[in-house]
Structure formats: C-alpha cells, structure tokens
C-alpha cells in the first residue's frame, strides 16, 4: 500500500519488486532444509539423540539467518517512513 497522491507506474513497479525481493529473502531465511529432518545423525545416543541434534541444527540455522530477517524488518520500517506499508 503506497500512501499519497504521486503514484507513478515506475514507483509502483519498484515497490512491487522490493516487496517480492523481501518476501523471497524471508522465505529463504525461515526455510529449513528437508534433508535435516531425514538424515540420521552419527554419534547420537538414545531415542531422543537424533531429534535433539536436528533441533539444535535448526536453532543454529535460525541464528545464522537472523540478520536476513532483521534486514527485512529494517527495509519494511525504512519504507514505512516514506508512506509505503508492507503487510
């Protein structure tokens, strides 16, 4: 949603591209590799060993990708300052 009276076609296209880019980055940052859920972990002990390792790997992955999510939030906030609100 772009607020204001000056909505040129070029500006609308730029906004659409920014929104698509942000959505792709967020999807990537939140996605978990399918292989991490199915690959047995070596050295795991007990019934909860593989599940615990998978959980730890997912948590590590989310920590590594947190800057991407923060950048998406920052872009959203920066655009809001110009009257462009991404919902």
N, C-alpha and C. Protein backbone atom coordinates (compact mmCIF):
# COMPACT_ATOMS: atom_id res chain seq x y z
N UNK A 1 0.85 -1.18 0.00
CA UNK A 1 0.00 0.00 0.00
C UNK A 1 0.89 1.22 0.00
N UNK A 2 0.75 2.06 -0.98
CA UNK A 2 1.51 3.31 -1.05
C UNK A 2 0.55 4.46 -0.78
N UNK A 3 0.84 5.25 0.23
CA UNK A 3 0.00 6.38 0.58
C UNK A 3 0.49 7.62 -0.14
N UNK A 4 -0.41 8.50 -0.47
CA UNK A 4 -0.03 9.75 -1.13
C UNK A 4 -0.61 9.82 -2.52
N UNK A 5 -0.53 10.99 -3.12
CA UNK A 5 -1.14 11.21 -4.42
C UNK A 5 -0.23 10.95 -5.60
N UNK A 6 1.08 10.81 -5.41
CA UNK A 6 2.01 10.67 -6.53
C UNK A 6 2.40 9.20 -6.71
N UNK A 7 1.53 8.44 -7.39
CA UNK A 7 1.78 7.01 -7.60
C UNK A 7 2.05 6.75 -9.08
N UNK A 8 3.25 7.02 -9.53
CA UNK A 8 3.60 6.76 -10.92
C UNK A 8 3.76 5.27 -11.14
N UNK A 9 3.65 4.85 -12.37
CA UNK A 9 3.80 3.44 -12.72
C UNK A 9 5.18 2.92 -12.36
N UNK A 10 6.20 3.73 -12.55
CA UNK A 10 7.57 3.31 -12.23
C UNK A 10 7.71 3.08 -10.73
N UNK A 11 7.21 4.00 -9.94
CA UNK A 11 7.29 3.86 -8.49
C UNK A 11 6.56 2.60 -8.02
N UNK A 12 5.39 2.36 -8.58
CA UNK A 12 4.63 1.16 -8.22
C UNK A 12 5.40 -0.11 -8.58
N UNK A 13 6.06 -0.11 -9.73
CA UNK A 13 6.85 -1.28 -10.14
C UNK A 13 8.04 -1.49 -9.21
N UNK A 14 8.69 -0.41 -8.80
CA UNK A 14 9.81 -0.51 -7.88
C UNK A 14 9.34 -1.08 -6.55
N UNK A 15 8.23 -0.59 -6.06
CA UNK A 15 7.68 -1.08 -4.79
C UNK A 15 7.35 -2.56 -4.91
N UNK A 16 6.71 -2.96 -6.00
CA UNK A 16 6.38 -4.38 -6.21
C UNK A 16 7.63 -5.25 -6.18
N UNK A 17 8.69 -4.79 -6.85
CA UNK A 17 9.94 -5.56 -6.87
C UNK A 17 10.55 -5.66 -5.47
N UNK A 18 10.53 -4.56 -4.73
CA UNK A 18 11.06 -4.58 -3.36
C UNK A 18 10.27 -5.56 -2.49
N UNK A 19 8.97 -5.56 -2.62
CA UNK A 19 8.14 -6.46 -1.84
C UNK A 19 8.42 -7.91 -2.22
N UNK A 20 8.55 -8.19 -3.52
CA UNK A 20 8.86 -9.57 -3.95
C UNK A 20 10.23 -10.02 -3.43
N UNK A 21 11.21 -9.13 -3.53
CA UNK A 21 12.55 -9.45 -3.04
C UNK A 21 12.52 -9.75 -1.55
N UNK A 22 11.87 -8.89 -0.78
CA UNK A 22 11.78 -9.08 0.67
C UNK A 22 11.09 -10.41 0.98
N UNK A 23 10.04 -10.74 0.28
CA UNK A 23 9.32 -11.99 0.51
C UNK A 23 10.21 -13.20 0.23
N UNK A 24 11.00 -13.14 -0.84
CA UNK A 24 11.91 -14.25 -1.16
C UNK A 24 12.97 -14.42 -0.08
N UNK A 25 13.53 -13.31 0.38
CA UNK A 25 14.56 -13.37 1.42
C UNK A 25 13.97 -13.96 2.70
N UNK A 26 12.77 -13.53 3.08
CA UNK A 26 12.13 -14.04 4.29
C UNK A 26 11.85 -15.54 4.17
N UNK A 27 11.34 -15.97 2.99
CA UNK A 27 11.05 -17.40 2.80
C UNK A 27 12.33 -18.22 2.95
N UNK A 28 13.42 -17.73 2.35
CA UNK A 28 14.70 -18.43 2.47
C UNK A 28 15.14 -18.48 3.93
N UNK A 29 15.06 -17.35 4.61
CA UNK A 29 15.54 -17.27 6.00
C UNK A 29 14.74 -18.16 6.92
N UNK A 30 13.47 -18.37 6.64
CA UNK A 30 12.62 -19.18 7.50
C UNK A 30 12.57 -20.65 7.08
N UNK A 31 13.06 -20.96 5.90
CA UNK A 31 13.00 -22.34 5.39
C UNK A 31 14.04 -23.22 6.09
N UNK A 32 13.64 -24.44 6.32
CA UNK A 32 14.55 -25.43 6.87
C UNK A 32 14.85 -26.45 5.78
N UNK A 33 16.10 -26.84 5.64
CA UNK A 33 16.41 -27.85 4.63
C UNK A 33 15.71 -29.16 4.94
N UNK A 34 15.10 -29.75 3.93
CA UNK A 34 14.37 -31.01 4.13
C UNK A 34 15.31 -32.12 4.59
N UNK A 35 16.53 -32.13 4.12
CA UNK A 35 17.48 -33.18 4.47
C UNK A 35 17.76 -33.21 5.97
N UNK A 36 17.69 -32.08 6.64
CA UNK A 36 17.98 -32.02 8.07
C UNK A 36 16.95 -32.81 8.88
N UNK A 37 15.74 -32.97 8.32
CA UNK A 37 14.71 -33.71 9.03
C UNK A 37 14.81 -35.21 8.82
N UNK A 38 15.53 -35.65 7.79
CA UNK A 38 15.52 -37.07 7.46
C UNK A 38 16.87 -37.76 7.64
N UNK A 39 17.95 -37.01 7.70
CA UNK A 39 19.27 -37.61 7.79
C UNK A 39 19.56 -38.03 9.23
N UNK A 40 19.88 -39.32 9.46
CA UNK A 40 20.23 -39.73 10.82
C UNK A 40 21.57 -39.13 11.22
N UNK A 41 21.69 -38.77 12.45
CA UNK A 41 22.90 -38.15 12.95
C UNK A 41 23.82 -39.21 13.55
N UNK A 42 25.08 -39.16 13.17
CA UNK A 42 26.06 -40.10 13.72
C UNK A 42 26.41 -39.71 15.14
N UNK A 43 26.63 -40.72 15.97
CA UNK A 43 27.04 -40.46 17.34
C UNK A 43 25.90 -40.14 18.26
N UNK A 44 24.68 -40.15 17.78
CA UNK A 44 23.52 -39.85 18.64
C UNK A 44 23.23 -41.06 19.50
N UNK A 45 22.90 -40.81 20.74
CA UNK A 45 22.60 -41.89 21.66
C UNK A 45 21.16 -41.78 22.11
N UNK A 46 20.52 -42.93 22.26
CA UNK A 46 19.16 -42.96 22.76
C UNK A 46 18.16 -42.55 21.70
N UNK A 47 16.87 -42.65 22.05
CA UNK A 47 15.81 -42.35 21.10
C UNK A 47 15.71 -40.85 20.82
N UNK A 48 16.08 -40.01 21.77
CA UNK A 48 15.95 -38.58 21.58
C UNK A 48 17.19 -37.94 20.97
N UNK A 49 18.27 -38.70 20.82
CA UNK A 49 19.52 -38.15 20.29
C UNK A 49 19.37 -37.49 18.93
N UNK A 50 18.86 -38.21 17.91
CA UNK A 50 18.73 -37.60 16.58
C UNK A 50 17.78 -36.40 16.59
N UNK A 51 16.69 -36.50 17.32
CA UNK A 51 15.74 -35.38 17.36
C UNK A 51 16.37 -34.16 18.02
N UNK A 52 17.13 -34.37 19.06
CA UNK A 52 17.79 -33.25 19.74
C UNK A 52 18.81 -32.60 18.82
N UNK A 53 19.58 -33.41 18.10
CA UNK A 53 20.57 -32.86 17.17
C UNK A 53 19.89 -32.08 16.05
N UNK A 54 18.77 -32.60 15.54
CA UNK A 54 18.04 -31.90 14.50
C UNK A 54 17.53 -30.56 15.03
N UNK A 55 17.02 -30.56 16.24
CA UNK A 55 16.53 -29.33 16.85
C UNK A 55 17.66 -28.32 17.00
N UNK A 56 18.81 -28.78 17.45
CA UNK A 56 19.97 -27.89 17.61
C UNK A 56 20.42 -27.34 16.25
N UNK A 57 20.41 -28.18 15.21
CA UNK A 57 20.80 -27.72 13.88
C UNK A 57 19.84 -26.66 13.37
N UNK A 58 18.53 -26.87 13.59
CA UNK A 58 17.55 -25.87 13.18
C UNK A 58 17.74 -24.57 13.93
N UNK A 59 18.01 -24.65 15.23
CA UNK A 59 18.24 -23.44 16.02
C UNK A 59 19.48 -22.70 15.52
N UNK A 60 20.54 -23.42 15.22
CA UNK A 60 21.76 -22.81 14.69
C UNK A 60 21.49 -22.13 13.35
N UNK A 61 20.74 -22.81 12.50
CA UNK A 61 20.40 -22.25 11.19
C UNK A 61 19.61 -20.96 11.35
N UNK A 62 18.67 -20.94 12.28
CA UNK A 62 17.87 -19.74 12.51
C UNK A 62 18.74 -18.60 13.07
N UNK A 63 19.70 -18.94 13.92
CA UNK A 63 20.62 -17.90 14.43
C UNK A 63 21.44 -17.31 13.29
N UNK A 64 21.90 -18.17 12.37
CA UNK A 64 22.70 -17.70 11.25
C UNK A 64 21.89 -16.82 10.30
N UNK A 65 20.61 -17.12 10.16
CA UNK A 65 19.77 -16.38 9.22
C UNK A 65 19.05 -15.19 9.86
N UNK A 66 19.20 -15.01 11.15
CA UNK A 66 18.54 -13.91 11.84
C UNK A 66 18.86 -12.55 11.22
N UNK A 67 20.12 -12.30 10.80
CA UNK A 67 20.40 -11.00 10.17
C UNK A 67 19.56 -10.75 8.91
N UNK A 68 19.23 -11.80 8.17
CA UNK A 68 18.38 -11.63 6.99
C UNK A 68 16.99 -11.17 7.38
N UNK A 69 16.44 -11.80 8.42
CA UNK A 69 15.12 -11.40 8.89
C UNK A 69 15.13 -9.99 9.44
N UNK A 70 16.20 -9.64 10.14
CA UNK A 70 16.32 -8.28 10.66
C UNK A 70 16.43 -7.26 9.52
N UNK A 71 17.13 -7.62 8.45
CA UNK A 71 17.24 -6.73 7.29
C UNK A 71 15.87 -6.54 6.63
N UNK A 72 15.08 -7.60 6.58
CA UNK A 72 13.72 -7.49 6.03
C UNK A 72 12.88 -6.55 6.87
N UNK A 73 12.98 -6.70 8.18
CA UNK A 73 12.23 -5.81 9.08
C UNK A 73 12.70 -4.37 8.93
N UNK A 74 14.00 -4.19 8.79
CA UNK A 74 14.55 -2.85 8.63
C UNK A 74 14.05 -2.19 7.34
N UNK A 75 14.05 -2.95 6.25
CA UNK A 75 13.54 -2.44 4.97
C UNK A 75 12.08 -2.04 5.12
N UNK A 76 11.32 -2.88 5.77
CA UNK A 76 9.90 -2.58 5.99
C UNK A 76 9.74 -1.27 6.76
N UNK A 77 10.52 -1.09 7.80
CA UNK A 77 10.46 0.14 8.59
C UNK A 77 10.92 1.36 7.81
N UNK A 78 11.98 1.20 7.03
CA UNK A 78 12.50 2.31 6.23
C UNK A 78 11.47 2.76 5.19
N UNK A 79 10.81 1.79 4.56
CA UNK A 79 9.80 2.14 3.56
C UNK A 79 8.58 2.79 4.21
N UNK A 80 8.25 2.35 5.42
CA UNK A 80 7.11 2.94 6.13
C UNK A 80 7.33 4.43 6.37
N UNK A 81 8.57 4.82 6.56
CA UNK A 81 8.90 6.24 6.77
C UNK A 81 8.56 7.07 5.53
N UNK A 82 8.48 6.41 4.36
CA UNK A 82 8.13 7.09 3.11
C UNK A 82 6.67 6.88 2.75
N UNK A 83 5.90 6.31 3.68
CA UNK A 83 4.48 6.08 3.43
C UNK A 83 4.18 4.81 2.68
N UNK A 84 5.14 3.89 2.61
CA UNK A 84 4.95 2.61 1.92
C UNK A 84 4.87 1.54 3.01
N UNK A 85 3.71 0.91 3.14
CA UNK A 85 3.48 -0.05 4.21
C UNK A 85 3.34 -1.46 3.63
N UNK A 86 4.23 -2.36 4.02
CA UNK A 86 4.19 -3.76 3.58
C UNK A 86 3.46 -4.55 4.64
N UNK A 87 2.39 -5.21 4.23
CA UNK A 87 1.59 -6.01 5.17
C UNK A 87 1.78 -7.48 4.90
